[in-house]
Amino acid sequence: MADPAMSVSPYWELTFDADGDPDGRRRERLIAGVAERKVRDLIVFAHGWNSDRSGATRLYSRFLEPIPALAPNARLGFVGVVWPSMRFSDEPIPDFPRSVAAESARRPVLDKDTRHALLETFPGRATIVEQITRLLDQQPREEAELEEFGRLVRMLVELVPPGPQALFAADTLAEGVPQSEPDMFSGPVTAVCEDFAQALAHLESTDGTAGFTIPNPWDGAHELLRQATYYAMKRRAGTVGERGLGRVIGQLAAKAPEVRVHLVGHSFGGRLVSFALRGLPEGVRTVKSVTLLQGAFSHYAFASRLPHDTRAGGVLQGQQNRIDGPLVCCFSRHDSALGTMYPLASRMAGDAQGAAGTDVGRMLGAKWGAMGFDGVQAVPGTRAWKLADALRATLPTSGCVNIDAAEVVKRGGAPAGAHSDIVHRELARVVLAAGRVH
């Protein structure tokens, strides 16, 4: 029987902590169950940032629901990956319940659900969360208070921890060039908050949800908190993928080598399943496809050399070759979270260009673009289709494939746009086509 909250069966849940350690009982239940149920094709879905367990379960149930009917002869199994992400409850997701507390709140104020999520995501920092909440509530006019807010946010997320994890949030690496933290913590916080506030005002004006107003820097401060948390979750997604999911896939391959694994990731879940490729034990070839839905990581992550810096390559360069099948990237120009906010938050220290007064469209296609906005970049041989054409075609058996999904991934208001508008039968069909599941 399927889980009451789940539309498909057999379904297993894999749970990981922030360090990538799995819940051992759930892992063993999966490995034993796959063999017992004689599963041939196992679809493993990882949620993104801005999610909690109940939200992830709803997403999995709704996205996966049409798959059994689309592949009636396949011996299917399904896995939902749950990892400690962070849900900002004041950001609406298409067709998902919006926090009641957030309905009447001005944006800069943290509702109780978001405060609770911060406390769960960053344990031991209750005093810092309380101070951040107070400043957002009071919105003092002194510039020093904005600087203090930035200091507190930095302390909350511990953006650049010591040791090897410090590089997990970097998607492009330069030979011999040390990685630094995002520009949002390398300069005056006031200027960064004003940049974010102007970007939000631009998105709301183009979305039709706001008229002309002078941007409030505390709107930008709220966005600074979101983006700093976003960056911390980006680092965590890499950790969970490489140290957690990749190893579990290897353990499954040792026990059930005939099982074909198909990885699917939304947002940072795309980064998670991509980093799982780095964590695969040597010789494991059971991953038959990877499908990225609005992937929230650099479009250069798989590149061996960057167009703007020949010393640098993607942190996942060559990892697509560990797939015994294609890496399919679905993207949409309607994804404002990745088209505007991602490039702003991803600029590294030393890049002085701010958001104010810039040509946002020009910035989108430059250094800091995201997979989910314009697809895999700078990887020779990458094929490209519109969604309708891809569904009529036979997808390649290897390499990178870009699919423009803007015809269905198009709903959602500011600031995220269509980032979470992924529950579509057409995208479920892409997953099956990528893995040659019939």
Protein backbone atom coordinates (compact mmCIF):
# COMPACT_ATOMS: atom_id res chain seq x y z
CA MET A 1 0.00 0.00 0.00
CA ALA A 2 1.12 3.58 -0.65
CA ASP A 3 1.68 5.92 2.26
CA PRO A 4 -1.65 7.74 2.91
CA ALA A 5 0.08 11.01 1.98
CA MET A 6 1.74 9.51 -1.09
CA SER A 7 0.16 8.90 -4.50
CA VAL A 8 2.58 6.18 -5.62
CA SER A 9 3.79 2.84 -4.34
CA PRO A 10 6.19 1.39 -3.39
CA TYR A 11 7.57 4.56 -1.82
CA TRP A 12 10.44 4.96 0.60
CA GLU A 13 11.76 8.01 2.39
CA LEU A 14 15.48 8.68 2.79
CA THR A 15 16.29 11.16 5.54
CA PHE A 16 19.66 12.87 5.98
CA ASP A 17 21.03 15.23 8.61
CA ALA A 18 23.00 18.40 7.83
CA ASP A 19 26.27 16.42 7.63
CA GLY A 20 24.87 13.95 5.10
CA ASP A 21 24.41 11.09 7.56
CA PRO A 22 21.33 9.00 6.69
CA ASP A 23 18.69 7.61 9.00
CA GLY A 24 20.02 4.05 9.10
CA ARG A 25 16.67 2.32 9.51
CA ARG A 26 15.13 4.11 6.54
CA ARG A 27 18.19 3.33 4.42
CA GLU A 28 18.04 -0.38 5.27
CA ARG A 29 14.29 -0.45 4.68
CA LEU A 30 14.87 0.99 1.21
CA ILE A 31 17.63 -1.45 0.26
CA ALA A 32 15.68 -4.46 1.51
CA GLY A 33 12.39 -3.25 0.03
CA VAL A 34 13.79 -2.66 -3.45
CA ALA A 35 14.95 -6.26 -3.61
CA GLU A 36 11.74 -7.62 -2.10
CA ARG A 37 9.49 -5.72 -4.50
CA LYS A 38 11.70 -6.58 -7.50
CA VAL A 39 12.01 -2.92 -8.47
CA ARG A 40 13.71 -2.35 -11.81
CA ASP A 41 13.57 1.47 -12.11
CA LEU A 42 13.95 3.56 -8.96
CA ILE A 43 13.08 7.27 -9.19
CA VAL A 44 14.82 9.29 -6.46
CA PHE A 45 13.50 12.86 -5.97
CA ALA A 46 15.25 15.53 -3.87
CA HIS A 47 13.47 18.72 -2.84
CA GLY A 48 15.11 22.11 -2.77
CA TRP A 49 15.64 24.95 -0.38
CA ASN A 50 12.57 26.69 1.04
CA SER A 51 10.91 23.40 1.93
CA ASP A 52 10.05 21.29 4.96
CA ARG A 53 9.14 17.62 5.27
CA SER A 54 5.40 18.07 4.77
CA GLY A 55 5.96 20.37 1.80
CA ALA A 56 8.45 17.94 0.29
CA THR A 57 6.01 15.03 0.69
CA ARG A 58 3.22 16.99 -1.01
CA LEU A 59 5.56 17.89 -3.85
CA TYR A 60 6.66 14.28 -4.36
CA SER A 61 3.12 12.96 -4.26
CA ARG A 62 1.80 15.47 -6.78
CA PHE A 63 4.77 15.33 -9.17
CA LEU A 64 5.05 11.52 -9.18
CA GLU A 65 1.30 10.77 -9.39
CA PRO A 66 1.05 10.45 -13.21
CA ILE A 67 4.20 8.34 -13.62
CA PRO A 68 2.75 4.82 -13.08
CA ALA A 69 0.13 5.42 -15.79
CA LEU A 70 2.77 6.87 -18.13
CA ALA A 71 4.96 3.76 -17.74
CA PRO A 72 2.45 0.95 -17.10
CA ASN A 73 4.86 -1.90 -17.86
CA ALA A 74 7.75 -0.65 -15.72
CA ARG A 75 8.58 -2.14 -12.33
CA LEU A 76 8.83 1.19 -10.53
CA GLY A 77 9.89 2.27 -7.07
CA PHE A 78 10.02 5.78 -5.65
CA VAL A 79 12.23 7.52 -3.10
CA GLY A 80 11.70 10.91 -1.50
CA VAL A 81 14.87 12.50 -0.14
CA VAL A 82 14.31 14.64 2.97
CA TRP A 83 17.16 16.86 4.10
CA PRO A 84 17.28 19.76 6.60
CA SER A 85 16.30 22.65 4.40
CA MET A 86 14.68 25.95 5.33
CA ARG A 87 11.15 27.15 4.61
CA PHE A 88 10.45 30.88 4.41
CA SER A 89 6.69 30.63 4.91
CA ASP A 90 5.98 34.11 3.56
CA GLU A 91 7.01 33.05 0.04
CA PRO A 92 4.05 31.57 -1.88
CA ILE A 93 4.46 28.40 -3.94
CA PRO A 94 1.95 27.67 -6.72
CA ASP A 95 -0.94 25.49 -5.43
CA PHE A 96 0.63 25.18 -1.96
CA PRO A 97 -0.89 26.63 1.24
CA ARG A 98 0.49 30.00 2.25
CA SER A 99 1.27 30.72 5.90
CA VAL A 100 -1.71 32.40 7.59
CA ALA A 101 0.70 34.47 9.66
CA ALA A 102 2.34 35.74 6.51
CA GLU A 103 -0.89 36.92 4.88
CA SER A 104 -1.09 40.16 6.84
CA ALA A 105 2.59 40.74 7.50
CA ARG A 106 4.67 43.40 5.83
CA ARG A 107 7.55 41.68 4.05
CA PRO A 108 10.34 42.78 6.43
CA VAL A 109 8.61 41.21 9.45
CA LEU A 110 9.40 37.56 10.23
CA ASP A 111 6.25 35.53 10.89
CA LYS A 112 6.27 32.91 13.60
CA ASP A 113 6.59 29.99 11.18
CA THR A 114 9.73 31.45 9.62
CA ARG A 115 11.22 32.20 13.06
CA HIS A 116 10.56 28.60 14.05
CA ALA A 117 12.19 27.37 10.84
CA LEU A 118 15.28 29.50 11.51
CA LEU A 119 15.57 28.06 15.01
CA GLU A 120 15.30 24.49 13.68
CA THR A 121 17.70 25.08 10.79
CA PHE A 122 20.34 26.88 12.88
CA PRO A 123 20.14 25.30 16.36
CA GLY A 124 21.77 27.07 19.26
CA ARG A 125 21.26 30.54 17.78
CA ALA A 126 18.01 31.57 19.47
CA THR A 127 19.44 34.86 20.74
CA ILE A 128 20.61 35.83 17.26
CA VAL A 129 17.21 34.96 15.73
CA GLU A 130 15.52 37.06 18.42
CA GLN A 131 17.74 40.06 17.64
CA ILE A 132 17.20 39.69 13.88
CA THR A 133 13.43 39.50 14.42
CA ARG A 134 13.46 42.63 16.61
CA LEU A 135 15.41 44.67 14.05
CA LEU A 136 13.13 43.62 11.18
CA ASP A 137 10.10 44.49 13.30
CA GLN A 138 11.38 47.91 14.41
CA GLN A 139 13.21 48.90 11.21
CA PRO A 140 15.36 51.58 12.84
CA ARG A 141 16.53 54.35 10.51
CA GLU A 142 20.16 54.40 11.64
CA GLU A 143 22.60 52.96 9.12
CA ALA A 144 24.52 51.37 12.00
CA GLU A 145 21.48 49.20 12.75
CA LEU A 146 21.49 47.81 9.20
CA GLU A 147 25.19 47.04 9.60
CA GLU A 148 24.41 45.29 12.90
CA PHE A 149 21.68 43.31 11.14
CA GLY A 150 24.20 42.13 8.54
CA ARG A 151 26.63 41.10 11.28
CA LEU A 152 23.89 39.05 12.98
CA VAL A 153 22.87 37.35 9.74
CA ARG A 154 26.47 36.40 9.06
CA MET A 155 26.79 34.94 12.58
CA LEU A 156 23.53 33.03 12.08
CA VAL A 157 24.54 31.16 8.95
CA GLU A 158 28.31 30.85 9.57
CA LEU A 159 28.77 31.35 5.86
CA VAL A 160 32.35 30.15 5.47
CA PRO A 161 33.04 27.36 7.98
CA PRO A 162 36.52 25.96 8.53
CA GLY A 163 37.65 22.81 6.73
CA PRO A 164 36.72 21.22 3.39
CA GLN A 165 33.04 22.14 3.57
CA ALA A 166 34.00 25.76 2.90
CA LEU A 167 34.11 24.97 -0.83
CA PHE A 168 30.79 23.16 -1.02
CA ALA A 169 28.90 26.35 -1.83
CA ALA A 170 31.23 27.27 -4.69
CA ASP A 171 30.05 26.02 -8.08
CA THR A 172 33.08 27.24 -10.04
CA LEU A 173 36.65 26.79 -8.91
CA ALA A 174 39.76 28.56 -10.14
CA GLU A 175 43.13 26.83 -10.06
CA GLY A 176 45.19 28.33 -7.26
CA VAL A 177 42.59 30.99 -6.49
CA PRO A 178 41.10 30.77 -2.98
CA GLN A 179 37.31 30.85 -2.75
CA SER A 180 35.70 33.74 -0.94
CA GLU A 181 32.30 34.47 0.48
CA PRO A 182 29.53 36.24 -1.46
CA ASP A 183 29.81 39.94 -2.11
CA MET A 184 26.82 40.53 0.14
CA PHE A 185 29.13 40.08 3.17
CA SER A 186 32.29 41.68 1.83
CA GLY A 187 31.12 45.31 1.70
CA PRO A 188 28.81 47.78 3.44
CA VAL A 189 25.58 46.02 4.40
CA THR A 190 23.51 49.15 3.75
CA ALA A 191 24.50 49.21 0.08
CA VAL A 192 23.71 45.50 -0.32
CA CYS A 193 20.30 45.93 1.34
CA GLU A 194 19.54 48.81 -1.03
CA ASP A 195 20.58 46.63 -3.98
CA PHE A 196 18.23 43.85 -2.90
CA ALA A 197 15.40 46.32 -2.19
CA GLN A 198 15.71 47.79 -5.70
CA ALA A 199 15.74 44.33 -7.26
CA LEU A 200 12.59 43.39 -5.33
CA ALA A 201 10.88 46.61 -6.38
CA HIS A 202 11.81 45.86 -10.01
CA LEU A 203 10.35 42.34 -9.81
CA GLU A 204 7.15 43.55 -8.19
CA SER A 205 6.68 46.32 -10.74
CA THR A 206 7.12 43.92 -13.68
CA ASP A 207 4.86 41.41 -11.89
CA GLY A 208 2.13 44.04 -11.61
CA THR A 209 1.90 43.69 -7.83
CA ALA A 210 3.26 47.12 -6.92
CA GLY A 211 3.33 50.65 -8.24
CA PHE A 212 6.24 53.04 -8.06
CA THR A 213 7.62 53.36 -4.52
CA ILE A 214 10.94 54.27 -3.02
CA PRO A 215 12.52 50.94 -2.01
CA ASN A 216 12.70 50.30 1.72
CA PRO A 217 16.22 49.12 2.68
CA TRP A 218 14.63 46.85 5.30
CA ASP A 219 12.90 45.00 2.48
CA GLY A 220 16.43 44.43 1.25
CA ALA A 221 17.51 43.38 4.74
CA HIS A 222 14.78 40.72 4.79
CA GLU A 223 16.01 39.53 1.39
CA LEU A 224 19.60 39.52 2.68
CA LEU A 225 18.47 37.10 5.39
CA ARG A 226 16.70 34.92 2.82
CA GLN A 227 19.70 34.88 0.50
CA ALA A 228 22.22 34.21 3.28
CA THR A 229 20.08 31.29 4.40
CA TYR A 230 19.85 30.26 0.75
CA TYR A 231 23.65 30.24 0.51
CA ALA A 232 23.94 28.12 3.66
CA MET A 233 21.40 25.64 2.26
CA LYS A 234 23.32 25.57 -1.02
CA ARG A 235 26.42 24.44 0.86
CA ARG A 236 24.36 21.89 2.80
CA ALA A 237 22.82 20.45 -0.38
CA GLY A 238 26.30 19.65 -1.70
CA THR A 239 27.26 18.00 1.57
CA VAL A 240 24.13 15.84 1.70
CA GLY A 241 24.50 14.84 -1.94
CA GLU A 242 28.16 13.86 -1.87
CA ARG A 243 28.49 12.44 1.63
CA GLY A 244 24.97 11.11 1.92
CA LEU A 245 22.98 10.20 -1.18
CA GLY A 246 25.99 9.21 -3.31
CA ARG A 247 27.11 6.69 -0.71
CA VAL A 248 23.60 5.25 -0.28
CA ILE A 249 23.33 4.72 -4.05
CA GLY A 250 26.63 2.87 -3.86
CA GLN A 251 25.34 0.68 -1.04
CA LEU A 252 22.17 -0.05 -3.00
CA ALA A 253 24.24 -0.94 -6.07
CA ALA A 254 26.25 -3.44 -4.02
CA LYS A 255 23.07 -5.22 -2.89
CA ALA A 256 20.91 -4.78 -6.00
CA PRO A 257 23.16 -4.03 -9.02
CA GLU A 258 20.32 -4.59 -11.48
CA VAL A 259 18.28 -1.63 -10.18
CA ARG A 260 18.35 1.39 -12.51
CA VAL A 261 18.45 4.66 -10.53
CA HIS A 262 16.99 7.90 -11.88
CA LEU A 263 17.85 11.04 -9.93
CA VAL A 264 15.51 14.04 -9.98
CA GLY A 265 16.17 17.30 -8.16
CA HIS A 266 14.30 20.57 -7.82
CA SER A 267 16.14 23.83 -7.02
CA PHE A 268 18.91 22.94 -4.54
CA GLY A 269 17.74 19.34 -4.85
CA GLY A 270 19.27 19.55 -8.33
CA ARG A 271 22.58 20.51 -6.73
CA LEU A 272 22.14 17.69 -4.21
CA VAL A 273 21.62 14.95 -6.81
CA SER A 274 24.45 16.36 -8.94
CA PHE A 275 26.87 16.24 -6.01
CA ALA A 276 25.70 12.68 -5.37
CA LEU A 277 27.56 11.80 -8.57
CA ARG A 278 30.80 12.91 -6.87
CA GLY A 279 29.97 10.65 -3.94
CA LEU A 280 29.41 7.49 -5.99
CA PRO A 281 31.90 4.72 -5.20
CA GLU A 282 34.32 3.94 -8.03
CA GLY A 283 32.82 1.73 -10.72
CA VAL A 284 29.17 2.25 -9.79
CA ARG A 285 27.17 2.73 -13.01
CA THR A 286 23.61 2.26 -11.76
CA VAL A 287 22.59 5.93 -12.18
CA LYS A 288 20.86 5.90 -15.58
CA SER A 289 19.60 9.49 -15.72
CA VAL A 290 19.65 12.80 -13.86
CA THR A 291 16.86 15.35 -14.36
CA LEU A 292 17.31 18.87 -12.98
CA LEU A 293 14.14 20.93 -12.46
CA GLN A 294 14.91 24.65 -12.02
CA GLY A 295 18.37 23.78 -10.71
CA ALA A 296 19.64 26.44 -8.30
CA PHE A 297 23.36 26.27 -9.00
CA SER A 298 25.78 27.67 -11.52
CA HIS A 299 25.15 27.01 -15.20
CA TYR A 300 28.93 26.47 -15.42
CA ALA A 301 29.05 23.75 -12.73
CA PHE A 302 29.79 20.97 -15.28
CA ALA A 303 32.14 23.05 -17.46
CA SER A 304 35.83 22.15 -17.69
CA ARG A 305 36.75 25.76 -18.50
CA LEU A 306 34.83 28.99 -17.98
CA PRO A 307 34.41 31.43 -20.89
CA HIS A 308 35.49 34.38 -18.72
CA ASP A 309 38.35 32.64 -16.86
CA THR A 310 40.32 29.81 -18.47
CA ARG A 311 41.95 29.00 -15.13
CA ALA A 312 38.61 27.98 -13.71
CA GLY A 313 36.23 25.10 -14.20
CA GLY A 314 32.99 23.91 -12.70
CA VAL A 315 33.08 22.14 -9.37
CA LEU A 316 31.28 19.19 -11.04
CA GLN A 317 33.29 19.15 -14.26
CA GLY A 318 33.13 15.72 -15.88
CA GLN A 319 30.67 14.31 -13.33
CA GLN A 320 28.02 13.94 -16.03
CA ASN A 321 30.19 11.10 -17.34
CA ARG A 322 29.40 9.09 -14.21
CA ILE A 323 25.81 8.78 -15.43
CA ASP A 324 25.05 5.78 -17.62
CA GLY A 325 22.65 8.02 -19.52
CA PRO A 326 21.92 11.73 -19.97
CA LEU A 327 21.91 14.72 -17.64
CA VAL A 328 18.75 16.66 -18.52
CA CYS A 329 18.36 20.26 -17.38
CA CYS A 330 14.89 21.85 -17.51
CA PHE A 331 14.92 25.64 -17.27
CA SER A 332 12.57 28.61 -17.59
CA ARG A 333 13.02 32.33 -18.18
CA HIS A 334 10.04 32.90 -15.85
CA ASP A 335 12.10 31.82 -12.82
CA SER A 336 12.76 35.17 -11.11
CA ALA A 337 14.43 33.54 -8.11
CA LEU A 338 17.19 32.27 -10.42
CA GLY A 339 17.05 35.01 -13.02
CA THR A 340 17.49 38.00 -10.71
CA MET A 341 18.05 37.06 -7.06
CA TYR A 342 20.46 34.19 -7.69
CA PRO A 343 23.00 36.28 -9.66
CA LEU A 344 22.88 39.03 -7.03
CA ALA A 345 23.58 36.64 -4.16
CA SER A 346 26.17 34.63 -6.08
CA ARG A 347 28.56 37.43 -6.95
CA MET A 348 31.83 36.74 -5.17
CA ALA A 349 33.94 39.27 -3.27
CA GLY A 350 35.86 41.53 -5.63
CA ASP A 351 33.07 41.90 -8.18
CA ALA A 352 32.04 45.49 -7.49
CA GLN A 353 29.07 45.62 -9.84
CA GLY A 354 25.87 46.16 -7.87
CA ALA A 355 22.26 45.69 -8.80
CA ALA A 356 21.37 49.37 -8.82
CA GLY A 357 21.48 50.89 -12.25
CA THR A 358 22.61 47.71 -13.99
CA ASP A 359 21.06 46.03 -16.99
CA VAL A 360 19.61 43.03 -15.17
CA GLY A 361 19.13 41.03 -18.39
CA ARG A 362 22.81 41.46 -19.26
CA MET A 363 23.83 40.35 -15.79
CA LEU A 364 21.69 37.21 -16.00
CA GLY A 365 23.70 35.66 -18.81
CA ALA A 366 27.08 36.54 -17.33
CA LYS A 367 29.18 34.91 -14.65
CA TRP A 368 26.51 34.16 -12.09
CA GLY A 369 23.71 32.56 -14.11
CA ALA A 370 21.85 29.51 -12.81
CA MET A 371 21.01 26.16 -14.43
CA GLY A 372 17.29 26.68 -13.98
CA PHE A 373 17.28 30.01 -15.81
CA ASP A 374 19.22 29.25 -18.99
CA GLY A 375 20.45 25.64 -18.80
CA VAL A 376 23.88 23.97 -18.82
CA GLN A 377 26.53 26.27 -20.30
CA ALA A 378 30.07 25.82 -21.67
CA VAL A 379 29.85 22.02 -21.96
CA PRO A 380 30.67 21.00 -25.57
CA GLY A 381 28.11 18.75 -27.23
CA THR A 382 25.17 19.86 -25.07
CA ARG A 383 21.91 19.37 -26.99
CA ALA A 384 18.96 21.76 -26.70
CA TRP A 385 15.19 21.46 -27.27
CA LYS A 386 11.96 23.24 -26.51
CA LEU A 387 9.82 21.12 -24.18
CA ALA A 388 7.24 20.10 -26.81
CA ASP A 389 9.98 19.05 -29.24
CA ALA A 390 11.85 17.11 -26.53
CA LEU A 391 8.71 15.11 -25.74
CA ARG A 392 8.46 14.06 -29.38
CA ALA A 393 12.17 13.31 -29.75
CA THR A 394 14.35 10.46 -28.53
CA LEU A 395 16.70 11.97 -25.99
CA PRO A 396 20.45 11.26 -26.21
CA THR A 397 21.87 8.32 -24.30
CA SER A 398 24.65 10.40 -22.74
CA GLY A 399 25.88 13.95 -22.24
CA CYS A 400 24.03 17.11 -21.26
CA VAL A 401 20.61 18.06 -22.58
CA ASN A 402 18.91 21.46 -22.11
CA ILE A 403 15.12 21.63 -22.25
CA ASP A 404 13.38 25.01 -22.30
CA ALA A 405 10.31 24.34 -20.14
CA ALA A 406 9.02 27.94 -20.09
CA GLU A 407 5.78 26.90 -21.77
CA VAL A 408 4.68 25.15 -18.54
CA VAL A 409 7.01 26.56 -15.86
CA LYS A 410 5.55 30.06 -15.86
CA ARG A 411 3.35 30.72 -12.80
CA GLY A 412 4.34 32.49 -9.60
CA GLY A 413 4.62 35.97 -8.14
CA ALA A 414 7.58 38.03 -6.98
CA PRO A 415 10.21 37.45 -5.78
CA ALA A 416 10.51 33.79 -6.85
CA GLY A 417 8.44 33.84 -10.01
CA ALA A 418 7.92 30.37 -11.48
CA HIS A 419 10.74 28.75 -9.52
CA SER A 420 8.44 26.22 -7.83
CA ASP A 421 5.96 25.75 -10.68
CA ILE A 422 7.20 22.28 -11.56
CA VAL A 423 4.22 19.98 -11.00
CA HIS A 424 3.37 19.25 -14.61
CA ARG A 425 2.67 15.99 -16.41
CA GLU A 426 5.04 17.10 -19.18
CA LEU A 427 7.97 17.25 -16.75
CA ALA A 428 7.11 13.81 -15.38
CA ARG A 429 7.30 12.60 -18.98
CA VAL A 430 10.76 14.18 -19.29
CA VAL A 431 11.96 12.15 -16.29
CA LEU A 432 10.77 8.92 -17.92
CA ALA A 433 12.21 9.87 -21.31
CA ALA A 434 15.59 10.70 -19.78
CA GLY A 435 15.76 7.29 -18.14
CA ARG A 436 14.19 5.35 -21.01
CA VAL A 437 11.51 4.06 -18.68
CA HIS A 438 8.46 2.63 -20.47
